[in-house]
Amino acid sequence: MIKFIYKTSIAGLIFLFLSVSASAQKMNNTLYLMQNVPQSNQLNPAIQPECKVFVGFPALSSIYLNYSNSSFAYSDIIKDGTGIRKDSLVVDINSFHDALQTTNFVSQQFELTLFALGIRAKDYFFTLDVIEKEDSRFSFDQEMMTFLKDGNASYRGKTANWGGLGLDASYYHEVALGVSKKINDKWTVGIKGKMLFGIANMHMEDSDMSVFTSASGNEIVLNSEHRLRVSMPINQIGLDADGYVNDIDIDGDSYDADFFANTDNKGFAVDLGMTYQMDEKTRLYASILDIGSINWKTDGHEFSQKGSFTWTGADWSQSGNSKDPNYKEIEDVFDDLTDSIADEFRVINGIDSYKVGLPAKIYLGGTHDLNKRVNVGALSRTEIFNGKIQSSLTLSANARFFRNLSTTLSYSVVNHSYNNVGFGLAAKLGPTQFYVVSDNVMAAIKPNTAHLANIRFGINFLFGCKDKTKKKDSCSFEDEIKNKKKPLYK
């Protein structure tokens, strides 16, 4: 069992390394309201970029990295020592435990846009995006950490429900074709269809753990049930005489060009969006992204385990006298114990295809113009995955003091943290636009307290742009005659 856990962990690490090197709660709230940046259309397919045509610089139009967790920061785990350890860093288990929520999430994402194109045709706007995406997340319950920290003394006659472990990681290609239409002066709607091509996946389908302690405290019952589905190259799975997994051999040579070009794991998703011009100064937005799934067919494996082990203590009676003919080394006693546990929690393997849904995201927000160059906005984001819901709220101020330079300042409440100050900048020189945006620049200043750290940047080529900040001048005398209007001045 220990060898299996080790091999599975190595497989997970290899998968994450490959996915990051092939391409490095996910938030884009600050970008959503930077609508002079064409990539805001990826968050709401109804948003029509200002320019008639945009082309993303190949492999540099959008690079996005994100890390977040729902409860703890680095400073909750590692602290400065005191007393004789004042010159050292120490692990503070109590601080880490106290920072946890009932259920805790850690996630990481990487996106690389290989190609992006947008074209306006009267009231329509068409977009095409080719994106590499990697998304991994892990979850666990606080009660498991409580038991490990405090022991089972307070659980006599009770069951400590550790809940389940959540493990999901995917790497896939996305080809997205979108269209939006301005229906009238108030409504614009958009839809985007996405073809998905899965490369590798790990998905914990079922997980549940509990520990029962008898009232006397001399008996402990461990219960464990897990089902992990994997779609990734595994060279060989070793089985014992009873058909249970005892070894996993992962061959790094399998991760070649053919692996990354795989198109057999197909999926489909759709994005929906709308914008509504409430009045001259106020605009509302709504979108829902990634309604869909991927069917994982190639290199599919299912590792399942269900067992119960009753612990009544270890028998040291034969380890006291080395001259006793029945003498057993303490190491042998431990080996017998671990073998007994392994026998109860053996893992079986099956091969099958399976389907995993994408994390759906719902955005609701709006902006209000303070003047021609400044507006304020608010945006809520809700992510739904595996029945779990995570939400965030962002307030922003968006300024465009110069035609080719715009800035955004935002504040977000996310992952039970309240120190997330974001910033965005978009600058245009000729047809070339460079932009950079983050939902929490404080992570670069104080990384040890951050729950969220992300950055997105890229380069676009923009053509046929309008200056929306330019005020309309009073019409000329010739225009008045042409339009049969009375002169505004003499």
Protein backbone atom coordinates (compact mmCIF):
# COMPACT_ATOMS: atom_id res chain seq x y z
CA MET A 1 0.00 0.00 0.00
CA ILE A 2 2.82 2.40 0.89
CA LYS A 3 4.54 1.66 -2.42
CA PHE A 4 1.27 2.23 -4.27
CA ILE A 5 0.69 5.58 -2.59
CA TYR A 6 4.25 6.59 -3.38
CA LYS A 7 3.93 5.60 -7.03
CA THR A 8 0.58 7.36 -7.38
CA SER A 9 2.01 10.52 -5.83
CA ILE A 10 4.93 10.40 -8.23
CA ALA A 11 2.46 9.99 -11.09
CA GLY A 12 0.59 13.08 -9.97
CA LEU A 13 3.77 15.12 -9.67
CA ILE A 14 4.94 14.01 -13.12
CA PHE A 15 1.55 14.91 -14.57
CA LEU A 16 1.59 18.39 -13.06
CA PHE A 17 5.18 18.98 -14.12
CA LEU A 18 4.47 17.93 -17.68
CA SER A 19 1.32 19.98 -17.94
CA VAL A 20 2.96 23.11 -16.60
CA SER A 21 6.11 22.74 -18.65
CA ALA A 22 4.11 21.94 -21.74
CA SER A 23 2.10 24.99 -21.59
CA ALA A 24 2.85 26.81 -16.20
CA GLN A 25 -10.19 29.41 -7.23
CA LYS A 26 -9.12 30.82 -10.94
CA MET A 27 -9.94 34.53 -11.07
CA ASN A 28 -10.05 37.04 -13.90
CA ASN A 29 -12.31 39.62 -12.29
CA THR A 30 -10.12 42.67 -12.94
CA LEU A 31 -9.73 41.79 -16.63
CA TYR A 32 -13.49 41.35 -17.07
CA LEU A 33 -14.09 45.11 -16.84
CA MET A 34 -11.00 46.12 -18.89
CA GLN A 35 -13.01 45.97 -22.09
CA ASN A 36 -10.46 47.76 -24.25
CA VAL A 37 -8.41 44.54 -23.89
CA PRO A 38 -9.81 41.98 -26.39
CA GLN A 39 -9.19 39.07 -23.99
CA SER A 40 -12.13 40.29 -21.87
CA ASN A 41 -14.23 38.57 -24.54
CA GLN A 42 -12.93 35.23 -23.17
CA LEU A 43 -14.87 36.00 -19.97
CA ASN A 44 -18.04 37.23 -21.64
CA PRO A 45 -18.64 36.31 -25.31
CA ALA A 46 -21.07 39.24 -25.64
CA ILE A 47 -18.33 41.83 -25.05
CA GLN A 48 -17.39 43.35 -28.41
CA PRO A 49 -13.85 44.77 -28.51
CA GLU A 50 -13.54 48.41 -29.60
CA CYS A 51 -11.44 47.73 -32.69
CA LYS A 52 -12.71 46.24 -35.93
CA VAL A 53 -9.94 43.64 -35.99
CA PHE A 54 -7.58 42.24 -33.38
CA VAL A 55 -4.90 39.60 -33.78
CA GLY A 56 -3.15 38.05 -30.80
CA PHE A 57 0.60 37.78 -31.09
CA PRO A 58 1.20 34.02 -31.55
CA ALA A 59 1.81 32.35 -28.16
CA LEU A 60 2.08 35.79 -26.51
CA SER A 61 -1.44 37.22 -26.79
CA SER A 62 -2.34 35.87 -23.35
CA ILE A 63 -0.27 34.09 -20.70
CA TYR A 64 -2.09 33.44 -17.44
CA LEU A 65 -0.90 31.93 -14.15
CA ASN A 66 -3.03 31.57 -11.03
CA TYR A 67 -2.66 30.12 -7.53
CA SER A 68 -5.25 30.29 -4.77
CA ASN A 69 -6.37 28.55 -1.62
CA SER A 70 -9.50 28.97 0.41
CA SER A 71 -8.15 29.37 3.91
CA PHE A 72 -4.47 29.51 4.84
CA ALA A 73 -1.41 31.50 3.85
CA TYR A 74 2.29 30.70 4.13
CA SER A 75 2.47 32.81 7.30
CA ASP A 76 -0.14 30.56 8.92
CA ILE A 77 2.23 27.59 8.62
CA ILE A 78 5.77 28.98 8.88
CA LYS A 79 6.58 31.46 11.65
CA ASP A 80 9.61 32.97 13.33
CA GLY A 81 10.83 30.89 16.24
CA THR A 82 11.09 32.12 19.83
CA GLY A 83 13.53 31.48 22.67
CA ILE A 84 16.41 29.26 21.66
CA ARG A 85 14.84 28.95 18.19
CA LYS A 86 14.42 32.69 17.60
CA ASP A 87 16.89 32.57 14.69
CA SER A 88 14.95 29.82 12.92
CA LEU A 89 11.70 29.34 11.07
CA VAL A 90 9.31 26.85 12.68
CA VAL A 91 6.18 25.02 11.61
CA ASP A 92 3.16 26.18 13.63
CA ILE A 93 0.62 23.34 13.48
CA ASN A 94 -1.88 25.15 15.73
CA SER A 95 -1.85 28.29 13.60
CA PHE A 96 -2.28 26.25 10.43
CA HIS A 97 -5.18 24.31 11.94
CA ASP A 98 -6.95 27.44 13.21
CA ALA A 99 -6.77 29.04 9.77
CA LEU A 100 -8.58 26.12 8.10
CA GLN A 101 -12.21 26.18 7.04
CA THR A 102 -14.55 23.19 7.24
CA THR A 103 -13.50 22.22 3.69
CA ASN A 104 -10.29 23.61 2.21
CA PHE A 105 -9.25 24.04 -1.41
CA VAL A 106 -5.90 24.62 -3.08
CA SER A 107 -5.86 25.26 -6.83
CA GLN A 108 -3.47 26.22 -9.60
CA GLN A 109 -4.06 27.09 -13.25
CA PHE A 110 -2.03 27.92 -16.35
CA GLU A 111 -3.29 29.13 -19.73
CA LEU A 112 -1.37 29.89 -22.90
CA THR A 113 -3.20 31.38 -25.89
CA LEU A 114 -1.50 30.15 -29.04
CA PHE A 115 -3.65 32.18 -31.42
CA ALA A 116 -6.41 34.79 -31.11
CA LEU A 117 -8.42 36.61 -33.78
CA GLY A 118 -11.41 38.93 -33.71
CA ILE A 119 -13.30 40.52 -36.66
CA ARG A 120 -16.25 42.92 -36.65
CA ALA A 121 -18.91 42.67 -39.36
CA LYS A 122 -21.53 45.40 -38.82
CA ASP A 123 -23.44 44.39 -35.67
CA TYR A 124 -21.63 41.05 -35.38
CA PHE A 125 -18.25 40.27 -33.86
CA PHE A 126 -16.53 36.93 -34.53
CA THR A 127 -13.68 35.48 -32.46
CA LEU A 128 -11.35 32.50 -32.69
CA ASP A 129 -9.10 31.35 -29.82
CA VAL A 130 -6.68 28.42 -29.59
CA ILE A 131 -5.65 27.91 -25.96
CA GLU A 132 -3.61 25.43 -23.92
CA LYS A 133 -5.20 24.96 -20.49
CA GLU A 134 -4.06 23.25 -17.29
CA ASP A 135 -6.18 23.19 -14.13
CA SER A 136 -5.41 21.33 -10.88
CA ARG A 137 -7.06 21.45 -7.47
CA PHE A 138 -6.90 19.59 -4.16
CA SER A 139 -9.34 19.65 -1.23
CA PHE A 140 -9.47 18.24 2.31
CA ASP A 141 -11.57 18.62 5.47
CA GLN A 142 -10.44 20.34 8.66
CA GLU A 143 -11.56 17.47 10.91
CA MET A 144 -8.85 15.23 9.50
CA MET A 145 -6.23 17.78 10.57
CA THR A 146 -7.93 18.16 13.98
CA PHE A 147 -7.61 14.41 14.61
CA LEU A 148 -3.98 14.31 13.49
CA LYS A 149 -3.13 17.35 15.65
CA ASP A 150 -5.00 16.45 18.86
CA GLY A 151 -5.16 12.67 18.69
CA ASN A 152 -8.19 10.52 19.49
CA ALA A 153 -8.61 11.25 23.22
CA SER A 154 -11.67 13.43 22.66
CA TYR A 155 -13.21 10.92 20.24
CA ARG A 156 -13.73 8.01 22.65
CA GLY A 157 -16.99 6.33 21.82
CA LYS A 158 -17.26 8.51 18.70
CA THR A 159 -16.41 8.48 15.03
CA ALA A 160 -14.13 11.13 13.58
CA ASN A 161 -15.36 11.75 10.06
CA TRP A 162 -12.37 12.86 8.02
CA GLY A 163 -14.49 13.46 4.94
CA GLY A 164 -12.90 12.88 1.58
CA LEU A 165 -9.89 13.99 -0.37
CA GLY A 166 -10.52 15.90 -3.57
CA LEU A 167 -8.01 15.59 -6.39
CA ASP A 168 -8.64 16.91 -9.88
CA ALA A 169 -6.11 17.84 -12.53
CA SER A 170 -6.61 18.30 -16.27
CA TYR A 171 -4.54 19.39 -19.22
CA TYR A 172 -6.27 19.97 -22.55
CA HIS A 173 -6.34 21.96 -25.80
CA GLU A 174 -9.25 24.33 -26.47
CA VAL A 175 -10.37 25.67 -29.86
CA ALA A 176 -13.13 28.25 -29.37
CA LEU A 177 -15.27 29.96 -32.01
CA GLY A 178 -17.53 32.77 -30.80
CA VAL A 179 -20.01 35.25 -32.19
CA SER A 180 -21.80 38.19 -30.60
CA LYS A 181 -24.58 40.39 -32.01
CA LYS A 182 -25.75 43.83 -31.07
CA ILE A 183 -29.52 43.36 -31.16
CA ASN A 184 -30.36 47.02 -30.52
CA ASP A 185 -29.05 50.03 -28.62
CA LYS A 186 -29.48 48.20 -25.31
CA TRP A 187 -28.89 44.46 -25.79
CA THR A 188 -25.87 42.54 -27.01
CA VAL A 189 -25.73 38.75 -26.76
CA GLY A 190 -22.93 36.28 -27.41
CA ILE A 191 -22.20 32.57 -27.59
CA LYS A 192 -18.97 30.63 -27.91
CA GLY A 193 -18.59 26.96 -28.77
CA LYS A 194 -15.45 25.14 -27.64
CA MET A 195 -13.94 21.95 -28.97
CA LEU A 196 -11.82 20.35 -26.27
CA PHE A 197 -9.04 17.81 -26.74
CA GLY A 198 -7.94 16.20 -23.49
CA ILE A 199 -4.28 15.29 -22.95
CA ALA A 200 -4.14 14.01 -19.34
CA ASN A 201 -6.43 13.87 -16.32
CA MET A 202 -6.65 12.73 -12.70
CA HIS A 203 -10.09 12.72 -11.05
CA MET A 204 -11.04 11.52 -7.57
CA GLU A 205 -14.51 10.13 -8.15
CA ASP A 206 -15.23 8.94 -4.58
CA SER A 207 -13.41 9.48 -1.30
CA ASP A 208 -14.42 8.96 2.31
CA MET A 209 -12.45 8.31 5.50
CA SER A 210 -13.36 7.90 9.16
CA VAL A 211 -11.85 6.69 12.44
CA PHE A 212 -13.88 5.13 15.27
CA THR A 213 -12.42 4.98 18.80
CA SER A 214 -14.00 2.66 21.36
CA ALA A 215 -15.14 4.08 24.71
CA SER A 216 -12.25 2.32 26.47
CA GLY A 217 -9.78 3.68 23.95
CA ASN A 218 -8.13 0.29 23.34
CA GLU A 219 -9.67 -0.26 19.92
CA ILE A 220 -9.53 1.95 16.84
CA VAL A 221 -11.32 1.18 13.57
CA LEU A 222 -10.03 2.80 10.39
CA ASN A 223 -12.42 3.02 7.41
CA SER A 224 -11.33 4.13 3.98
CA GLU A 225 -12.91 4.22 0.51
CA HIS A 226 -11.42 5.84 -2.59
CA ARG A 227 -11.90 5.70 -6.34
CA LEU A 228 -9.35 7.54 -8.48
CA ARG A 229 -9.66 7.75 -12.25
CA VAL A 230 -6.61 8.49 -14.36
CA SER A 231 -6.08 9.14 -18.06
CA MET A 232 -2.34 9.26 -18.68
CA PRO A 233 0.35 6.90 -19.98
CA ILE A 234 1.33 4.22 -17.44
CA ASN A 235 3.92 1.77 -18.68
CA GLN A 236 2.98 -1.13 -16.42
CA ILE A 237 0.78 -1.89 -13.42
CA GLY A 238 2.08 -4.75 -11.26
CA LEU A 239 -0.46 -7.10 -9.67
CA ASP A 240 -0.03 -9.60 -6.85
CA ALA A 241 -1.31 -13.18 -6.88
CA ASP A 242 -4.79 -12.01 -5.87
CA GLY A 243 -5.00 -9.38 -8.61
CA TYR A 244 -4.39 -6.34 -6.40
CA VAL A 245 -2.10 -3.49 -7.41
CA ASN A 246 1.35 -3.65 -5.84
CA ASP A 247 3.42 -1.58 -8.25
CA ILE A 248 3.07 1.19 -10.86
CA ASP A 249 5.73 1.84 -13.48
CA ILE A 250 5.60 5.21 -15.22
CA ASP A 251 7.76 5.57 -18.30
CA GLY A 252 8.77 9.17 -19.01
CA ASP A 253 9.45 8.26 -22.65
CA SER A 254 5.69 7.99 -23.17
CA TYR A 255 5.33 11.76 -22.83
CA ASP A 256 6.43 12.55 -26.37
CA ALA A 257 5.04 14.64 -29.22
CA ASP A 258 2.29 12.09 -29.91
CA PHE A 259 1.15 12.35 -26.29
CA PHE A 260 0.70 16.13 -26.51
CA ALA A 261 -0.94 15.91 -29.95
CA ASN A 262 -3.58 13.41 -28.81
CA THR A 263 -7.10 14.21 -30.08
CA ASP A 264 -8.94 11.06 -28.91
CA ASN A 265 -10.18 12.53 -25.61
CA LYS A 266 -12.80 14.82 -27.08
CA GLY A 267 -15.12 17.20 -25.29
CA PHE A 268 -17.34 20.20 -25.90
CA ALA A 269 -18.29 23.25 -23.90
CA VAL A 270 -20.23 26.44 -24.46
CA ASP A 271 -20.03 30.00 -23.08
CA LEU A 272 -23.04 32.32 -22.96
CA GLY A 273 -23.04 36.06 -22.33
CA MET A 274 -25.03 39.25 -22.52
CA THR A 275 -24.62 43.00 -21.96
CA TYR A 276 -27.43 45.49 -21.28
CA GLN A 277 -27.15 49.27 -21.61
CA MET A 278 -29.47 50.40 -18.83
CA ASP A 279 -28.99 54.10 -19.54
CA GLU A 280 -26.32 56.40 -20.98
CA LYS A 281 -23.96 55.74 -18.07
CA THR A 282 -24.84 52.31 -16.70
CA ARG A 283 -24.17 48.93 -18.27
CA LEU A 284 -24.89 45.44 -16.92
CA TYR A 285 -23.10 42.18 -17.70
CA ALA A 286 -23.78 38.47 -17.24
CA SER A 287 -22.01 35.37 -18.50
CA ILE A 288 -21.70 31.68 -17.75
CA LEU A 289 -18.61 29.83 -18.94
CA ASP A 290 -17.51 26.24 -19.50
CA ILE A 291 -20.83 24.41 -19.64
CA GLY A 292 -19.49 21.09 -20.82
CA SER A 293 -17.20 18.12 -20.23
CA ILE A 294 -14.41 15.95 -21.66
CA ASN A 295 -14.76 12.23 -22.35
CA TRP A 296 -11.45 10.61 -21.33
CA LYS A 297 -10.89 7.50 -23.43
CA THR A 298 -7.16 6.89 -23.88
CA ASP A 299 -4.89 5.34 -21.24
CA GLY A 300 -7.82 5.16 -18.82
CA HIS A 301 -7.30 3.54 -15.42
CA GLU A 302 -9.47 3.32 -12.33
CA PHE A 303 -7.85 2.64 -8.96
CA SER A 304 -10.39 1.76 -6.29
CA GLN A 305 -10.01 0.78 -2.66
CA LYS A 306 -12.44 0.02 0.16
CA GLY A 307 -11.49 -1.48 3.49
CA SER A 308 -11.65 -1.42 7.27
CA PHE A 309 -8.88 -2.15 9.76
CA THR A 310 -9.26 -2.65 13.50
CA TRP A 311 -6.26 -1.63 15.59
CA THR A 312 -5.97 -3.19 19.06
CA GLY A 313 -2.32 -2.39 19.63
CA ALA A 314 0.95 -4.02 18.64
CA ASP A 315 2.24 -7.17 20.35
CA TRP A 316 5.70 -6.43 21.77
CA SER A 317 5.76 -9.50 24.06
CA GLN A 318 8.24 -11.35 21.88
CA SER A 319 10.63 -8.41 21.57
CA GLY A 320 11.88 -8.15 25.13
CA ASN A 321 14.42 -10.98 25.29
CA SER A 322 16.75 -11.48 22.32
CA LYS A 323 17.65 -14.97 23.59
CA ASP A 324 14.02 -16.13 23.43
CA PRO A 325 13.62 -18.64 20.54
CA ASN A 326 10.42 -16.75 19.52
CA TYR A 327 12.14 -13.35 19.66
CA LYS A 328 11.01 -10.80 17.05
CA GLU A 329 12.76 -7.57 16.19
CA ILE A 330 10.70 -4.43 16.78
CA GLU A 331 11.18 -3.64 13.09
CA ASP A 332 9.56 -6.96 12.22
CA VAL A 333 6.60 -6.13 14.46
CA PHE A 334 6.08 -2.88 12.56
CA ASP A 335 6.43 -4.69 9.23
CA ASP A 336 3.73 -7.18 10.26
CA LEU A 337 1.50 -4.29 11.28
CA THR A 338 1.92 -2.39 8.01
CA ASP A 339 1.38 -5.62 6.06
CA SER A 340 -1.88 -6.19 7.92
CA ILE A 341 -3.04 -2.66 7.14
CA ALA A 342 -2.02 -3.06 3.49
CA ASP A 343 -3.99 -6.31 3.24
CA GLU A 344 -7.15 -4.48 4.34
CA PHE A 345 -6.67 -1.49 2.04
CA ARG A 346 -5.54 -3.19 -1.15
CA VAL A 347 -6.17 -1.43 -4.44
CA ILE A 348 -7.75 -2.92 -7.53
CA ASN A 349 -7.34 -1.62 -11.07
CA GLY A 350 -9.76 -1.41 -13.94
CA ILE A 351 -9.57 0.14 -17.39
CA ASP A 352 -12.45 2.25 -18.61
CA SER A 353 -13.38 5.57 -20.20
CA TYR A 354 -15.05 8.25 -18.10
CA LYS A 355 -16.42 11.77 -18.38
CA VAL A 356 -15.51 14.78 -16.22
CA GLY A 357 -17.33 18.11 -16.31
CA LEU A 358 -15.50 21.42 -16.41
CA PRO A 359 -15.72 23.88 -13.51
CA ALA A 360 -18.58 26.21 -14.48
CA LYS A 361 -18.17 29.94 -13.80
CA ILE A 362 -20.95 32.51 -13.46
CA TYR A 363 -20.23 36.25 -13.69
CA LEU A 364 -22.67 39.06 -12.82
CA GLY A 365 -21.66 42.71 -12.80
CA GLY A 366 -21.98 46.23 -14.08
CA THR A 367 -20.25 49.56 -14.63
CA HIS A 368 -21.28 53.18 -14.18
CA ASP A 369 -19.60 56.08 -15.97
CA LEU A 370 -18.52 58.92 -13.71
CA ASN A 371 -17.46 60.88 -16.77
CA LYS A 372 -16.12 60.25 -20.28
CA ARG A 373 -12.86 58.81 -18.97
CA VAL A 374 -13.61 57.11 -15.64
CA ASN A 375 -16.10 54.44 -14.61
CA VAL A 376 -16.59 52.29 -11.54
CA GLY A 377 -17.66 48.67 -11.59
CA ALA A 378 -18.69 45.70 -9.48
CA LEU A 379 -18.47 42.02 -10.38
CA SER A 380 -19.37 38.77 -8.65
CA ARG A 381 -17.94 35.42 -9.67
CA THR A 382 -19.25 31.98 -8.69
CA GLU A 383 -17.48 28.74 -9.55
CA ILE A 384 -19.25 25.38 -9.33
CA PHE A 385 -17.29 22.12 -9.44
CA ASN A 386 -18.06 18.68 -8.02
CA GLY A 387 -21.00 20.13 -6.08
CA LYS A 388 -18.79 22.72 -4.33
CA ILE A 389 -19.35 26.47 -4.72
CA GLN A 390 -16.75 29.21 -4.40
CA SER A 391 -17.59 32.90 -4.73
CA SER A 392 -15.76 36.21 -4.98
CA LEU A 393 -16.67 39.90 -5.25
CA THR A 394 -14.62 42.61 -6.97
CA LEU A 395 -15.00 46.40 -7.00
CA SER A 396 -13.04 48.38 -9.57
CA ALA A 397 -12.28 51.85 -10.90
CA ASN A 398 -11.37 52.01 -14.58
CA ALA A 399 -9.68 55.09 -16.05
CA ARG A 400 -8.66 56.10 -19.54
CA PHE A 401 -7.02 59.48 -19.25
CA PHE A 402 -5.23 59.09 -22.59
CA ARG A 403 -6.48 57.53 -25.78
CA ASN A 404 -3.85 54.77 -25.85
CA LEU A 405 -3.37 54.23 -22.12
CA SER A 406 -5.88 52.79 -19.66
CA THR A 407 -5.56 51.65 -16.06
CA THR A 408 -7.70 49.71 -13.61
CA LEU A 409 -7.59 49.48 -9.83
CA SER A 410 -9.61 46.74 -8.11
CA TYR A 411 -10.38 45.31 -4.70
CA SER A 412 -11.56 41.71 -4.25
CA VAL A 413 -12.97 39.62 -1.44
CA VAL A 414 -12.06 36.01 -2.24
CA ASN A 415 -11.08 32.81 -0.43
CA HIS A 416 -11.85 34.31 2.99
CA SER A 417 -9.20 36.97 2.45
CA TYR A 418 -9.69 40.71 2.29
CA ASN A 419 -6.32 42.10 1.23
CA ASN A 420 -6.57 41.53 -2.52
CA VAL A 421 -5.76 44.74 -4.38
CA GLY A 422 -5.60 44.31 -8.15
CA PHE A 423 -4.20 46.44 -10.93
CA GLY A 424 -4.39 46.46 -14.72
CA LEU A 425 -2.59 48.42 -17.42
CA ALA A 426 -3.13 48.47 -21.18
CA ALA A 427 -0.88 50.59 -23.42
CA LYS A 428 -1.09 50.96 -27.21
CA LEU A 429 1.68 52.14 -29.51
CA GLY A 430 0.58 52.23 -33.11
CA PRO A 431 -1.32 48.98 -33.74
CA THR A 432 0.49 47.13 -30.92
CA GLN A 433 -1.16 46.78 -27.51
CA PHE A 434 0.58 45.44 -24.42
CA TYR A 435 -1.42 44.65 -21.29
CA VAL A 436 -0.79 43.24 -17.83
CA VAL A 437 -3.35 42.58 -15.12
CA SER A 438 -3.46 40.93 -11.69
CA ASP A 439 -6.24 40.44 -9.16
CA ASN A 440 -3.79 40.77 -6.26
CA VAL A 441 -0.59 42.77 -6.66
CA MET A 442 -0.18 42.51 -2.87
CA ALA A 443 0.98 38.92 -3.43
CA ALA A 444 4.19 40.32 -4.93
CA ILE A 445 4.65 42.71 -1.99
CA LYS A 446 3.68 40.35 0.85
CA PRO A 447 3.63 36.82 -0.59
CA ASN A 448 3.66 35.17 2.84
CA THR A 449 0.12 36.44 3.62
CA ALA A 450 -1.47 35.92 0.19
CA HIS A 451 -4.31 33.49 -0.45
CA LEU A 452 -4.43 34.49 -4.10
CA ALA A 453 -1.69 35.22 -6.62
CA ASN A 454 -2.18 35.59 -10.36
CA ILE A 455 -1.03 37.49 -13.40
CA ARG A 456 -2.10 37.73 -17.03
CA PHE A 457 -0.19 39.57 -19.74
CA GLY A 458 0.06 39.63 -23.50
CA ILE A 459 0.46 41.47 -26.79
CA ASN A 460 -2.25 42.22 -29.37
CA PHE A 461 -2.36 43.92 -32.76
CA LEU A 462 -5.39 46.22 -33.07
CA PHE A 463 -6.81 47.72 -36.26
CA GLY A 464 -9.72 50.06 -36.95
CA CYS A 465 -10.04 51.38 -33.40
CA LYS A 466 -12.39 54.13 -32.29
CA ASP A 467 -11.60 56.71 -29.64
CA LYS A 468 -14.49 56.32 -27.24
CA THR A 469 -13.12 58.96 -24.89
CA LYS A 470 -13.20 61.73 -27.50
CA LYS A 471 -16.00 64.15 -26.90
CA LYS A 472 -18.22 65.06 -29.79
CA ASP A 473 -17.53 68.58 -30.97
CA SER A 474 -20.30 71.05 -31.78
CA CYS A 475 -21.42 70.52 -35.33
CA SER A 476 -20.11 72.90 -37.96
CA PHE A 477 -22.19 75.38 -39.96
CA GLU A 478 -21.81 73.20 -43.06
CA ASP A 479 -22.98 70.11 -41.13
CA GLU A 480 -25.99 72.04 -39.89
CA ILE A 481 -27.01 72.97 -43.42
CA LYS A 482 -26.42 69.42 -44.60
CA ASN A 483 -28.53 68.01 -41.80
CA LYS A 484 -31.06 70.80 -42.13
CA LYS A 485 -30.51 71.92 -38.57
CA LYS A 486 -30.61 75.42 -37.20
CA PRO A 487 -27.18 76.77 -36.37
CA LEU A 488 -26.14 76.41 -32.74
CA TYR A 489 -24.17 79.62 -33.03
CA LYS A 490 -23.88 82.61 -35.27
